Amino acid sequence: MIDLKVLTEVVGQLDEDIMLTMINDFVASNPSEEEALSVVNACQQGMSIIGNLFETGEYFVGDLIFAGEMLTQSIEILKPFIGNTSSTKPGKIVLGTVEGDLHDIGKNIFRSMAEAAGFEVYDLGIDQKPHAFVEKVKEVKPDIVGMSGVLTLALESMKNTVQSLEEAGLRQNLKIIIGGNPVTEEACKQIGADAFTTNAAEGVKICERWINK
């Protein structure tokens, strides 16, 4: 069985070769979904280490980008073992990092895991103004909107986005989930979202519960 603690440390050290070797050896054992999700969680903890080192100035933007690419690779390898593999889409999600925030690692993890679970995900990208969410919701008529942000200022952008969706008459049949370091239960209420998470796997489970109701 894979050593999750070591995997977290390897990801935190940006050691792509060892990470890929560990994950490829792991999937060769034909793991269960629960085991695969534990590996994803270990990788996410490694990303937290990277984020902390970035905050202290030990890592730079290039390191964050490289880390995101590493994680995308790992999720792609694990995809066959997480979520359903049917061709039917359980729902549509419009996703984006909100205005004023350029972070996308957490968003990308969530997107990959949601796609692995069968969701049809429309990723707007980073630094997205409220009207970008409004226009995409009008276009694709999703079941869920996911908003991501790492900076504290993102909370205000999330609130503005929810208000814009309400003003456009799009909020009633829409579920909204927010994610990122600054989100809390209190912030979720103030923003007007339906749920919040700091864990991508948990976020996907919440979305699945909404769709299955």
N, C-alpha and C. Protein backbone atom coordinates (compact mmCIF):
# COMPACT_ATOMS: atom_id res chain seq x y z
N MET A 1 0.85 -1.21 0.00
CA MET A 1 0.00 0.00 0.00
C MET A 1 0.87 1.25 0.00
N ILE A 2 0.44 2.25 -0.67
CA ILE A 2 1.19 3.50 -0.77
C ILE A 2 1.29 4.19 0.59
N ASP A 3 2.45 4.79 0.87
CA ASP A 3 2.65 5.54 2.10
C ASP A 3 2.16 6.97 1.87
N LEU A 4 1.00 7.27 2.41
CA LEU A 4 0.36 8.56 2.14
C LEU A 4 1.16 9.73 2.71
N LYS A 5 1.78 9.51 3.86
CA LYS A 5 2.58 10.57 4.47
C LYS A 5 3.78 10.92 3.58
N VAL A 6 4.42 9.89 3.06
CA VAL A 6 5.56 10.11 2.16
C VAL A 6 5.10 10.80 0.88
N LEU A 7 3.96 10.39 0.36
CA LEU A 7 3.43 11.01 -0.85
C LEU A 7 3.19 12.49 -0.64
N THR A 8 2.60 12.85 0.50
CA THR A 8 2.37 14.26 0.82
C THR A 8 3.69 15.03 0.83
N GLU A 9 4.71 14.46 1.44
CA GLU A 9 6.02 15.11 1.51
C GLU A 9 6.63 15.26 0.12
N VAL A 10 6.48 14.23 -0.71
CA VAL A 10 7.04 14.25 -2.06
C VAL A 10 6.38 15.34 -2.91
N VAL A 11 5.06 15.44 -2.80
CA VAL A 11 4.35 16.50 -3.52
C VAL A 11 4.81 17.87 -3.03
N GLY A 12 4.92 18.00 -1.71
CA GLY A 12 5.37 19.27 -1.13
C GLY A 12 6.76 19.67 -1.57
N GLN A 13 7.59 18.66 -1.91
CA GLN A 13 8.95 18.92 -2.37
C GLN A 13 9.03 19.09 -3.89
N LEU A 14 7.87 19.04 -4.54
CA LEU A 14 7.78 19.19 -6.01
C LEU A 14 8.59 18.11 -6.75
N ASP A 15 8.66 16.91 -6.16
CA ASP A 15 9.41 15.82 -6.78
C ASP A 15 8.48 15.02 -7.69
N GLU A 16 8.38 15.47 -8.92
CA GLU A 16 7.43 14.88 -9.87
C GLU A 16 7.73 13.41 -10.16
N ASP A 17 9.00 13.08 -10.36
CA ASP A 17 9.36 11.71 -10.74
C ASP A 17 8.94 10.70 -9.67
N ILE A 18 9.26 10.99 -8.41
CA ILE A 18 8.91 10.06 -7.33
C ILE A 18 7.39 10.01 -7.16
N MET A 19 6.72 11.17 -7.27
CA MET A 19 5.27 11.19 -7.15
C MET A 19 4.61 10.29 -8.19
N LEU A 20 5.03 10.43 -9.45
CA LEU A 20 4.44 9.63 -10.52
C LEU A 20 4.73 8.15 -10.35
N THR A 21 5.94 7.82 -9.91
CA THR A 21 6.29 6.41 -9.66
C THR A 21 5.39 5.82 -8.58
N MET A 22 5.21 6.57 -7.50
CA MET A 22 4.36 6.10 -6.40
C MET A 22 2.92 5.90 -6.85
N ILE A 23 2.39 6.86 -7.60
CA ILE A 23 0.99 6.78 -8.02
C ILE A 23 0.78 5.67 -9.06
N ASN A 24 1.72 5.53 -9.99
CA ASN A 24 1.59 4.47 -11.00
C ASN A 24 1.68 3.08 -10.36
N ASP A 25 2.58 2.94 -9.36
CA ASP A 25 2.65 1.66 -8.64
C ASP A 25 1.35 1.40 -7.88
N PHE A 26 0.78 2.48 -7.35
CA PHE A 26 -0.48 2.36 -6.60
C PHE A 26 -1.62 1.89 -7.49
N VAL A 27 -1.79 2.51 -8.66
CA VAL A 27 -2.92 2.14 -9.53
C VAL A 27 -2.74 0.74 -10.11
N ALA A 28 -1.49 0.27 -10.18
CA ALA A 28 -1.24 -1.08 -10.67
C ALA A 28 -1.83 -2.14 -9.74
N SER A 29 -2.10 -1.74 -8.49
CA SER A 29 -2.68 -2.67 -7.52
C SER A 29 -4.20 -2.71 -7.60
N ASN A 30 -4.79 -2.00 -8.58
CA ASN A 30 -6.24 -1.94 -8.78
C ASN A 30 -6.97 -1.53 -7.50
N PRO A 31 -6.72 -0.30 -7.04
CA PRO A 31 -7.27 0.16 -5.76
C PRO A 31 -8.77 0.42 -5.81
N SER A 32 -9.35 0.50 -4.63
CA SER A 32 -10.77 0.86 -4.52
C SER A 32 -10.90 2.37 -4.66
N GLU A 33 -12.15 2.83 -4.83
CA GLU A 33 -12.38 4.27 -4.92
C GLU A 33 -11.95 4.97 -3.63
N GLU A 34 -12.25 4.35 -2.50
CA GLU A 34 -11.89 4.94 -1.21
C GLU A 34 -10.38 5.12 -1.09
N GLU A 35 -9.63 4.10 -1.53
CA GLU A 35 -8.17 4.18 -1.49
C GLU A 35 -7.65 5.26 -2.43
N ALA A 36 -8.26 5.36 -3.62
CA ALA A 36 -7.84 6.37 -4.59
C ALA A 36 -8.11 7.78 -4.05
N LEU A 37 -9.24 7.95 -3.38
CA LEU A 37 -9.57 9.26 -2.81
C LEU A 37 -8.60 9.62 -1.69
N SER A 38 -8.12 8.63 -0.96
CA SER A 38 -7.14 8.91 0.10
C SER A 38 -5.83 9.39 -0.50
N VAL A 39 -5.50 8.90 -1.68
CA VAL A 39 -4.29 9.35 -2.38
C VAL A 39 -4.47 10.78 -2.88
N VAL A 40 -5.65 11.07 -3.40
CA VAL A 40 -5.94 12.44 -3.82
C VAL A 40 -5.82 13.39 -2.64
N ASN A 41 -6.36 12.97 -1.50
CA ASN A 41 -6.30 13.81 -0.31
C ASN A 41 -4.86 14.04 0.14
N ALA A 42 -4.03 13.01 0.04
CA ALA A 42 -2.61 13.15 0.40
C ALA A 42 -1.92 14.14 -0.53
N CYS A 43 -2.27 14.09 -1.81
CA CYS A 43 -1.71 15.05 -2.77
C CYS A 43 -2.16 16.47 -2.43
N GLN A 44 -3.43 16.61 -2.04
CA GLN A 44 -3.95 17.93 -1.67
C GLN A 44 -3.21 18.48 -0.45
N GLN A 45 -2.90 17.61 0.50
CA GLN A 45 -2.14 18.05 1.67
C GLN A 45 -0.75 18.52 1.26
N GLY A 46 -0.20 17.85 0.25
CA GLY A 46 1.09 18.29 -0.29
C GLY A 46 0.98 19.66 -0.92
N MET A 47 -0.17 19.91 -1.56
CA MET A 47 -0.40 21.23 -2.17
C MET A 47 -0.50 22.30 -1.09
N SER A 48 -1.02 21.94 0.07
CA SER A 48 -1.10 22.90 1.18
C SER A 48 0.30 23.29 1.64
N ILE A 49 1.20 22.30 1.67
CA ILE A 49 2.59 22.58 2.02
C ILE A 49 3.18 23.57 1.01
N ILE A 50 2.92 23.32 -0.27
CA ILE A 50 3.43 24.20 -1.32
C ILE A 50 2.87 25.61 -1.16
N GLY A 51 1.59 25.70 -0.84
CA GLY A 51 0.96 27.00 -0.64
C GLY A 51 1.59 27.76 0.51
N ASN A 52 1.88 27.03 1.59
CA ASN A 52 2.52 27.67 2.75
C ASN A 52 3.92 28.16 2.41
N LEU A 53 4.66 27.35 1.65
CA LEU A 53 6.03 27.74 1.26
C LEU A 53 6.01 28.91 0.29
N PHE A 54 4.94 28.99 -0.50
CA PHE A 54 4.79 30.14 -1.40
C PHE A 54 4.54 31.41 -0.57
N GLU A 55 3.70 31.28 0.44
CA GLU A 55 3.37 32.43 1.30
C GLU A 55 4.62 32.95 2.02
N THR A 56 5.53 32.04 2.38
CA THR A 56 6.74 32.45 3.11
C THR A 56 7.87 32.86 2.17
N GLY A 57 7.63 32.78 0.87
CA GLY A 57 8.64 33.23 -0.09
C GLY A 57 9.65 32.18 -0.52
N GLU A 58 9.47 30.92 -0.04
CA GLU A 58 10.40 29.86 -0.43
C GLU A 58 10.09 29.31 -1.82
N TYR A 59 8.82 29.35 -2.19
CA TYR A 59 8.42 28.96 -3.54
C TYR A 59 7.89 30.19 -4.27
N PHE A 60 7.92 30.12 -5.60
CA PHE A 60 7.51 31.25 -6.43
C PHE A 60 6.35 30.85 -7.33
N VAL A 61 5.86 31.81 -8.12
CA VAL A 61 4.70 31.55 -8.98
C VAL A 61 4.95 30.37 -9.91
N GLY A 62 6.16 30.30 -10.45
CA GLY A 62 6.50 29.19 -11.34
C GLY A 62 6.37 27.84 -10.65
N ASP A 63 6.71 27.82 -9.36
CA ASP A 63 6.57 26.58 -8.59
C ASP A 63 5.09 26.22 -8.42
N LEU A 64 4.23 27.23 -8.22
CA LEU A 64 2.80 26.98 -8.09
C LEU A 64 2.24 26.40 -9.38
N ILE A 65 2.67 26.96 -10.50
CA ILE A 65 2.21 26.48 -11.81
C ILE A 65 2.64 25.03 -12.02
N PHE A 66 3.91 24.75 -11.71
CA PHE A 66 4.44 23.39 -11.85
C PHE A 66 3.69 22.42 -10.94
N ALA A 67 3.39 22.87 -9.71
CA ALA A 67 2.65 22.03 -8.77
C ALA A 67 1.26 21.70 -9.31
N GLY A 68 0.62 22.70 -9.91
CA GLY A 68 -0.69 22.47 -10.50
C GLY A 68 -0.65 21.44 -11.61
N GLU A 69 0.41 21.51 -12.43
CA GLU A 69 0.57 20.54 -13.52
C GLU A 69 0.82 19.14 -12.96
N MET A 70 1.63 19.07 -11.89
CA MET A 70 1.87 17.78 -11.24
C MET A 70 0.57 17.15 -10.76
N LEU A 71 -0.24 17.98 -10.12
CA LEU A 71 -1.48 17.47 -9.55
C LEU A 71 -2.46 17.05 -10.62
N THR A 72 -2.50 17.81 -11.71
CA THR A 72 -3.38 17.46 -12.82
C THR A 72 -2.99 16.08 -13.37
N GLN A 73 -1.68 15.84 -13.48
CA GLN A 73 -1.21 14.53 -13.94
C GLN A 73 -1.67 13.42 -13.01
N SER A 74 -1.53 13.66 -11.72
CA SER A 74 -1.89 12.62 -10.75
C SER A 74 -3.38 12.32 -10.79
N ILE A 75 -4.20 13.36 -10.92
CA ILE A 75 -5.65 13.15 -10.98
C ILE A 75 -6.03 12.37 -12.23
N GLU A 76 -5.36 12.68 -13.35
CA GLU A 76 -5.64 11.97 -14.61
C GLU A 76 -5.36 10.48 -14.45
N ILE A 77 -4.27 10.14 -13.77
CA ILE A 77 -3.92 8.73 -13.57
C ILE A 77 -4.96 8.05 -12.67
N LEU A 78 -5.45 8.79 -11.68
CA LEU A 78 -6.39 8.22 -10.70
C LEU A 78 -7.84 8.24 -11.17
N LYS A 79 -8.13 8.99 -12.22
CA LYS A 79 -9.53 9.17 -12.67
C LYS A 79 -10.31 7.87 -12.82
N PRO A 80 -9.73 6.84 -13.42
CA PRO A 80 -10.52 5.60 -13.60
C PRO A 80 -10.99 4.97 -12.29
N PHE A 81 -10.40 5.40 -11.19
CA PHE A 81 -10.72 4.78 -9.90
C PHE A 81 -11.58 5.67 -9.01
N ILE A 82 -11.90 6.88 -9.47
CA ILE A 82 -12.73 7.77 -8.66
C ILE A 82 -13.96 8.20 -9.46
N GLY A 83 -15.12 8.04 -8.84
CA GLY A 83 -16.35 8.45 -9.50
C GLY A 83 -16.84 7.38 -10.46
N ASN A 84 -17.99 7.67 -11.05
CA ASN A 84 -18.55 6.67 -11.96
C ASN A 84 -17.90 6.78 -13.32
N THR A 85 -18.02 5.73 -14.11
CA THR A 85 -17.40 5.71 -15.44
C THR A 85 -18.45 5.65 -16.54
N SER A 86 -19.69 5.91 -16.20
CA SER A 86 -20.76 5.86 -17.20
C SER A 86 -20.68 7.09 -18.10
N SER A 87 -21.29 6.98 -19.27
CA SER A 87 -21.24 8.09 -20.23
C SER A 87 -22.30 9.14 -19.93
N THR A 88 -23.22 8.82 -19.04
CA THR A 88 -24.26 9.80 -18.71
C THR A 88 -23.71 10.86 -17.76
N LYS A 89 -24.11 12.09 -17.99
CA LYS A 89 -23.64 13.18 -17.16
C LYS A 89 -24.64 13.45 -16.04
N PRO A 90 -24.20 13.38 -14.79
CA PRO A 90 -25.15 13.60 -13.69
C PRO A 90 -25.57 15.06 -13.56
N GLY A 91 -24.83 15.96 -14.15
CA GLY A 91 -25.20 17.37 -14.02
C GLY A 91 -24.16 18.28 -14.64
N LYS A 92 -24.50 19.56 -14.71
CA LYS A 92 -23.60 20.56 -15.28
C LYS A 92 -23.12 21.52 -14.18
N ILE A 93 -21.84 21.85 -14.24
CA ILE A 93 -21.26 22.79 -13.29
C ILE A 93 -20.54 23.90 -14.04
N VAL A 94 -20.86 25.15 -13.71
CA VAL A 94 -20.07 26.28 -14.18
C VAL A 94 -19.10 26.64 -13.06
N LEU A 95 -17.83 26.71 -13.39
CA LEU A 95 -16.79 26.83 -12.39
C LEU A 95 -15.83 27.98 -12.72
N GLY A 96 -15.35 28.66 -11.71
CA GLY A 96 -14.36 29.70 -11.97
C GLY A 96 -13.76 30.26 -10.70
N THR A 97 -12.54 30.81 -10.82
CA THR A 97 -11.94 31.58 -9.74
C THR A 97 -12.46 33.01 -9.88
N VAL A 98 -12.91 33.59 -8.80
CA VAL A 98 -13.62 34.87 -8.86
C VAL A 98 -12.68 36.06 -9.09
N GLU A 99 -13.31 37.19 -9.38
CA GLU A 99 -12.59 38.42 -9.72
C GLU A 99 -11.57 38.81 -8.65
N GLY A 100 -10.37 39.16 -9.10
CA GLY A 100 -9.34 39.61 -8.19
C GLY A 100 -8.43 38.51 -7.67
N ASP A 101 -8.72 37.26 -8.04
CA ASP A 101 -7.93 36.13 -7.55
C ASP A 101 -7.39 35.34 -8.74
N LEU A 102 -6.10 35.06 -8.71
CA LEU A 102 -5.45 34.39 -9.84
C LEU A 102 -5.09 32.93 -9.54
N HIS A 103 -5.52 32.43 -8.40
CA HIS A 103 -5.18 31.06 -8.03
C HIS A 103 -6.12 30.05 -8.71
N ASP A 104 -5.55 28.97 -9.19
CA ASP A 104 -6.42 27.99 -9.86
C ASP A 104 -6.14 26.54 -9.50
N ILE A 105 -5.18 26.29 -8.60
CA ILE A 105 -4.85 24.89 -8.29
C ILE A 105 -6.04 24.16 -7.68
N GLY A 106 -6.65 24.77 -6.65
CA GLY A 106 -7.80 24.14 -6.02
C GLY A 106 -8.95 23.94 -6.99
N LYS A 107 -9.19 24.96 -7.81
CA LYS A 107 -10.26 24.89 -8.82
C LYS A 107 -9.99 23.73 -9.79
N ASN A 108 -8.75 23.60 -10.20
CA ASN A 108 -8.41 22.56 -11.17
C ASN A 108 -8.55 21.16 -10.58
N ILE A 109 -8.21 21.04 -9.30
CA ILE A 109 -8.40 19.73 -8.63
C ILE A 109 -9.88 19.38 -8.62
N PHE A 110 -10.70 20.35 -8.22
CA PHE A 110 -12.14 20.11 -8.16
C PHE A 110 -12.69 19.76 -9.54
N ARG A 111 -12.26 20.51 -10.57
CA ARG A 111 -12.73 20.24 -11.93
C ARG A 111 -12.40 18.81 -12.35
N SER A 112 -11.14 18.40 -12.12
CA SER A 112 -10.73 17.05 -12.52
C SER A 112 -11.54 15.98 -11.81
N MET A 113 -11.78 16.18 -10.52
CA MET A 113 -12.54 15.19 -9.75
C MET A 113 -14.01 15.19 -10.12
N ALA A 114 -14.55 16.37 -10.42
CA ALA A 114 -15.96 16.44 -10.85
C ALA A 114 -16.13 15.76 -12.21
N GLU A 115 -15.19 15.98 -13.10
CA GLU A 115 -15.25 15.32 -14.41
C GLU A 115 -15.11 13.81 -14.27
N ALA A 116 -14.25 13.39 -13.34
CA ALA A 116 -14.09 11.95 -13.09
C ALA A 116 -15.39 11.34 -12.58
N ALA A 117 -16.17 12.15 -11.86
CA ALA A 117 -17.46 11.68 -11.34
C ALA A 117 -18.57 11.77 -12.39
N GLY A 118 -18.24 12.27 -13.56
CA GLY A 118 -19.20 12.31 -14.65
C GLY A 118 -19.85 13.64 -14.92
N PHE A 119 -19.51 14.68 -14.14
CA PHE A 119 -20.11 16.00 -14.36
C PHE A 119 -19.58 16.63 -15.64
N GLU A 120 -20.42 17.44 -16.24
CA GLU A 120 -20.02 18.26 -17.38
C GLU A 120 -19.62 19.62 -16.81
N VAL A 121 -18.33 19.92 -16.87
CA VAL A 121 -17.81 21.12 -16.21
C VAL A 121 -17.39 22.18 -17.23
N TYR A 122 -17.88 23.39 -17.01
CA TYR A 122 -17.51 24.54 -17.84
C TYR A 122 -16.62 25.44 -17.00
N ASP A 123 -15.33 25.40 -17.26
CA ASP A 123 -14.35 26.12 -16.46
C ASP A 123 -14.07 27.50 -17.08
N LEU A 124 -14.46 28.55 -16.37
CA LEU A 124 -14.28 29.91 -16.88
C LEU A 124 -12.84 30.38 -16.74
N GLY A 125 -12.08 29.80 -15.82
CA GLY A 125 -10.71 30.23 -15.60
C GLY A 125 -10.58 31.08 -14.35
N ILE A 126 -9.58 31.95 -14.34
CA ILE A 126 -9.28 32.77 -13.15
C ILE A 126 -9.74 34.21 -13.33
N ASP A 127 -9.83 34.94 -12.22
CA ASP A 127 -10.12 36.38 -12.22
C ASP A 127 -11.38 36.70 -13.02
N GLN A 128 -12.46 35.98 -12.73
CA GLN A 128 -13.69 36.12 -13.50
C GLN A 128 -14.68 37.07 -12.83
N LYS A 129 -15.10 38.08 -13.56
CA LYS A 129 -16.07 39.06 -13.06
C LYS A 129 -17.46 38.41 -12.92
N PRO A 130 -18.32 38.97 -12.08
CA PRO A 130 -19.66 38.40 -11.89
C PRO A 130 -20.42 38.19 -13.20
N HIS A 131 -20.30 39.16 -14.14
CA HIS A 131 -21.10 39.03 -15.37
C HIS A 131 -20.66 37.83 -16.21
N ALA A 132 -19.38 37.39 -16.04
CA ALA A 132 -18.91 36.21 -16.77
C ALA A 132 -19.65 34.97 -16.31
N PHE A 133 -19.87 34.87 -14.99
CA PHE A 133 -20.65 33.76 -14.45
C PHE A 133 -22.10 33.85 -14.94
N VAL A 134 -22.65 35.05 -14.90
CA VAL A 134 -24.05 35.26 -15.31
C VAL A 134 -24.24 34.83 -16.77
N GLU A 135 -23.35 35.26 -17.64
CA GLU A 135 -23.49 34.95 -19.06
C GLU A 135 -23.36 33.44 -19.32
N LYS A 136 -22.43 32.80 -18.62
CA LYS A 136 -22.25 31.36 -18.83
C LYS A 136 -23.44 30.57 -18.30
N VAL A 137 -23.99 31.01 -17.18
CA VAL A 137 -25.17 30.34 -16.63
C VAL A 137 -26.35 30.47 -17.60
N LYS A 138 -26.51 31.66 -18.19
CA LYS A 138 -27.56 31.84 -19.19
C LYS A 138 -27.36 30.91 -20.38
N GLU A 139 -26.09 30.75 -20.76
CA GLU A 139 -25.77 29.96 -21.96
C GLU A 139 -25.98 28.47 -21.77
N VAL A 140 -25.44 27.89 -20.67
CA VAL A 140 -25.43 26.43 -20.54
C VAL A 140 -26.46 25.88 -19.56
N LYS A 141 -27.10 26.80 -18.78
CA LYS A 141 -28.13 26.39 -17.82
C LYS A 141 -27.65 25.25 -16.92
N PRO A 142 -26.63 25.52 -16.10
CA PRO A 142 -26.08 24.47 -15.23
C PRO A 142 -26.96 24.20 -14.02
N ASP A 143 -26.65 23.12 -13.35
CA ASP A 143 -27.32 22.80 -12.08
C ASP A 143 -26.60 23.48 -10.92
N ILE A 144 -25.30 23.67 -11.09
CA ILE A 144 -24.44 24.13 -10.00
C ILE A 144 -23.45 25.18 -10.49
N VAL A 145 -23.18 26.17 -9.66
CA VAL A 145 -22.08 27.10 -9.90
C VAL A 145 -21.05 26.92 -8.79
N GLY A 146 -19.80 26.74 -9.17
CA GLY A 146 -18.72 26.61 -8.21
C GLY A 146 -17.80 27.81 -8.31
N MET A 147 -17.55 28.45 -7.17
CA MET A 147 -16.66 29.62 -7.15
C MET A 147 -15.48 29.34 -6.23
N SER A 148 -14.29 29.66 -6.72
CA SER A 148 -13.08 29.40 -5.97
C SER A 148 -12.32 30.68 -5.69
N GLY A 149 -11.61 30.68 -4.57
CA GLY A 149 -10.76 31.82 -4.24
C GLY A 149 -9.85 31.50 -3.08
N VAL A 150 -8.65 32.02 -3.12
CA VAL A 150 -7.68 31.79 -2.05
C VAL A 150 -7.48 33.05 -1.22
N LEU A 151 -7.60 34.20 -1.85
CA LEU A 151 -7.39 35.47 -1.16
C LEU A 151 -8.64 35.88 -0.40
N THR A 152 -8.47 36.62 0.68
CA THR A 152 -9.61 37.08 1.49
C THR A 152 -10.54 37.96 0.67
N LEU A 153 -9.97 38.74 -0.25
CA LEU A 153 -10.80 39.63 -1.08
C LEU A 153 -11.75 38.85 -1.98
N ALA A 154 -11.45 37.56 -2.17
CA ALA A 154 -12.31 36.74 -3.03
C ALA A 154 -13.71 36.60 -2.43
N LEU A 155 -13.82 36.70 -1.11
CA LEU A 155 -15.12 36.55 -0.47
C LEU A 155 -16.10 37.63 -0.94
N GLU A 156 -15.61 38.85 -1.07
CA GLU A 156 -16.46 39.94 -1.55
C GLU A 156 -16.85 39.71 -3.01
N SER A 157 -15.92 39.20 -3.80
CA SER A 157 -16.21 38.90 -5.21
C SER A 157 -17.26 37.80 -5.33
N MET A 158 -17.17 36.81 -4.45
CA MET A 158 -18.17 35.74 -4.44
C MET A 158 -19.55 36.29 -4.11
N LYS A 159 -19.60 37.16 -3.12
CA LYS A 159 -20.87 37.78 -2.73
C LYS A 159 -21.46 38.59 -3.89
N ASN A 160 -20.61 39.34 -4.57
CA ASN A 160 -21.06 40.14 -5.72
C ASN A 160 -21.58 39.25 -6.85
N THR A 161 -20.93 38.10 -7.02
CA THR A 161 -21.34 37.17 -8.08
C THR A 161 -22.71 36.57 -7.77
N VAL A 162 -22.93 36.19 -6.52
CA VAL A 162 -24.24 35.66 -6.12
C VAL A 162 -25.32 36.71 -6.31
N GLN A 163 -25.02 37.94 -5.94
CA GLN A 163 -25.99 39.03 -6.12
C GLN A 163 -26.31 39.25 -7.59
N SER A 164 -25.30 39.16 -8.44
CA SER A 164 -25.51 39.34 -9.88
C SER A 164 -26.39 38.23 -10.45
N LEU A 165 -26.19 37.01 -9.96
CA LEU A 165 -27.03 35.89 -10.41
C LEU A 165 -28.47 36.09 -9.95
N GLU A 166 -28.64 36.61 -8.74
CA GLU A 166 -29.99 36.89 -8.23
C GLU A 166 -30.66 37.98 -9.05
N GLU A 167 -29.92 39.05 -9.33
CA GLU A 167 -30.47 40.17 -10.10
C GLU A 167 -30.86 39.75 -11.52
N ALA A 168 -30.14 38.75 -12.03
CA ALA A 168 -30.44 38.26 -13.38
C ALA A 168 -31.56 37.23 -13.38
N GLY A 169 -32.10 36.94 -12.19
CA GLY A 169 -33.19 35.97 -12.09
C GLY A 169 -32.76 34.53 -12.29
N LEU A 170 -31.48 34.23 -12.00
CA LEU A 170 -30.94 32.90 -12.28
C LEU A 170 -30.70 32.06 -11.02
N ARG A 171 -30.95 32.64 -9.86
CA ARG A 171 -30.54 32.00 -8.61
C ARG A 171 -31.48 30.88 -8.15
N GLN A 172 -32.75 30.98 -8.46
CA GLN A 172 -33.76 30.12 -7.84
C GLN A 172 -33.49 28.63 -7.99
N ASN A 173 -33.17 28.19 -9.19
CA ASN A 173 -32.98 26.76 -9.43
C ASN A 173 -31.51 26.37 -9.51
N LEU A 174 -30.66 27.19 -8.92
CA LEU A 174 -29.22 27.01 -9.02
C LEU A 174 -28.62 26.74 -7.64
N LYS A 175 -27.78 25.73 -7.55
CA LYS A 175 -27.03 25.49 -6.32
C LYS A 175 -25.65 26.14 -6.46
N ILE A 176 -25.17 26.76 -5.39
CA ILE A 176 -23.88 27.43 -5.43
C ILE A 176 -22.97 26.88 -4.34
N ILE A 177 -21.78 26.47 -4.74
CA ILE A 177 -20.79 25.98 -3.79
C ILE A 177 -19.54 26.84 -3.92
N ILE A 178 -18.95 27.20 -2.78
CA ILE A 178 -17.73 28.00 -2.79
C ILE A 178 -16.61 27.21 -2.14
N GLY A 179 -15.38 27.47 -2.58
CA GLY A 179 -14.24 26.74 -2.05
C GLY A 179 -12.99 27.60 -2.01
N GLY A 180 -12.07 27.23 -1.10
CA GLY A 180 -10.82 27.95 -0.97
C GLY A 180 -10.46 28.19 0.48
N ASN A 181 -9.24 28.60 0.71
CA ASN A 181 -8.74 28.77 2.08
C ASN A 181 -9.59 29.68 2.97
N PRO A 182 -10.09 30.83 2.46
CA PRO A 182 -10.78 31.75 3.37
C PRO A 182 -12.24 31.42 3.65
N VAL A 183 -12.80 30.41 2.99
CA VAL A 183 -14.23 30.17 3.15
C VAL A 183 -14.54 29.46 4.47
N THR A 184 -15.60 29.90 5.11
CA THR A 184 -16.07 29.33 6.38
C THR A 184 -17.59 29.25 6.31
N GLU A 185 -18.17 28.63 7.33
CA GLU A 185 -19.63 28.55 7.37
C GLU A 185 -20.25 29.94 7.44
N GLU A 186 -19.64 30.81 8.24
CA GLU A 186 -20.15 32.18 8.36
C GLU A 186 -20.05 32.93 7.03
N ALA A 187 -18.90 32.78 6.35
CA ALA A 187 -18.72 33.44 5.06
C ALA A 187 -19.72 32.91 4.04
N CYS A 188 -19.99 31.61 4.11
CA CYS A 188 -20.94 30.98 3.19
C CYS A 188 -22.32 31.63 3.33
N LYS A 189 -22.73 31.86 4.57
CA LYS A 189 -24.04 32.49 4.83
C LYS A 189 -24.06 33.93 4.32
N GLN A 190 -22.99 34.67 4.58
CA GLN A 190 -22.92 36.06 4.16
C GLN A 190 -22.90 36.20 2.65
N ILE A 191 -22.24 35.27 2.00
CA ILE A 191 -22.13 35.31 0.54
C ILE A 191 -23.46 34.90 -0.12
N GLY A 192 -24.19 34.01 0.56
CA GLY A 192 -25.45 33.53 0.00
C GLY A 192 -25.30 32.25 -0.78
N ALA A 193 -24.21 31.51 -0.50
CA ALA A 193 -23.99 30.23 -1.17
C ALA A 193 -24.75 29.12 -0.43
N ASP A 194 -24.87 27.98 -1.08
CA ASP A 194 -25.58 26.84 -0.49
C ASP A 194 -24.65 25.93 0.30
N ALA A 195 -23.36 25.94 -0.05
CA ALA A 195 -22.40 25.07 0.64
C ALA A 195 -21.00 25.62 0.43
N PHE A 196 -20.09 25.18 1.32
CA PHE A 196 -18.69 25.55 1.16
C PHE A 196 -17.83 24.34 1.47
N THR A 197 -16.59 24.34 0.96
CA THR A 197 -15.66 23.26 1.24
C THR A 197 -14.24 23.72 1.01
N THR A 198 -13.30 23.09 1.70
CA THR A 198 -11.89 23.31 1.42
C THR A 198 -11.26 22.01 0.93
N ASN A 199 -12.11 21.04 0.60
CA ASN A 199 -11.66 19.73 0.15
C ASN A 199 -12.38 19.37 -1.14
N ALA A 200 -11.63 19.17 -2.20
CA ALA A 200 -12.23 18.93 -3.51
C ALA A 200 -13.12 17.69 -3.54
N ALA A 201 -12.65 16.62 -2.92
CA ALA A 201 -13.44 15.38 -2.91
C ALA A 201 -14.77 15.58 -2.20
N GLU A 202 -14.72 16.28 -1.08
CA GLU A 202 -15.95 16.58 -0.34
C GLU A 202 -16.88 17.45 -1.19
N GLY A 203 -16.31 18.41 -1.91
CA GLY A 203 -17.10 19.29 -2.77
C GLY A 203 -17.85 18.52 -3.84
N VAL A 204 -17.18 17.54 -4.43
CA VAL A 204 -17.83 16.73 -5.47
C VAL A 204 -18.95 15.90 -4.86
N LYS A 205 -18.73 15.37 -3.65
CA LYS A 205 -19.78 14.58 -2.98
C LYS A 205 -21.01 15.45 -2.70
N ILE A 206 -20.79 16.71 -2.30
CA ILE A 206 -21.90 17.62 -2.07
C ILE A 206 -22.69 17.82 -3.37
N CYS A 207 -21.98 18.02 -4.46
CA CYS A 207 -22.64 18.23 -5.75
C CYS A 207 -23.43 16.99 -6.17
N GLU A 208 -22.86 15.82 -5.92
CA GLU A 208 -23.55 14.58 -6.25
C GLU A 208 -24.86 14.44 -5.43
N ARG A 209 -24.79 14.81 -4.17
CA ARG A 209 -26.00 14.73 -3.33
C ARG A 209 -27.08 15.67 -3.86
N TRP A 210 -26.69 16.86 -4.27
CA TRP A 210 -27.67 17.80 -4.83
C TRP A 210 -28.34 17.23 -6.07
N ILE A 211 -27.55 16.64 -6.94
CA ILE A 211 -28.08 16.13 -8.20
C ILE A 211 -28.99 14.92 -7.97
N ASN A 212 -28.64 14.12 -6.98
CA ASN A 212 -29.37 12.87 -6.74
C ASN A 212 -30.65 13.06 -5.92
N LYS A 213 -30.87 14.28 -5.42
CA LYS A 213 -32.09 14.52 -4.64
C LYS A 213 -33.31 14.50 -5.52
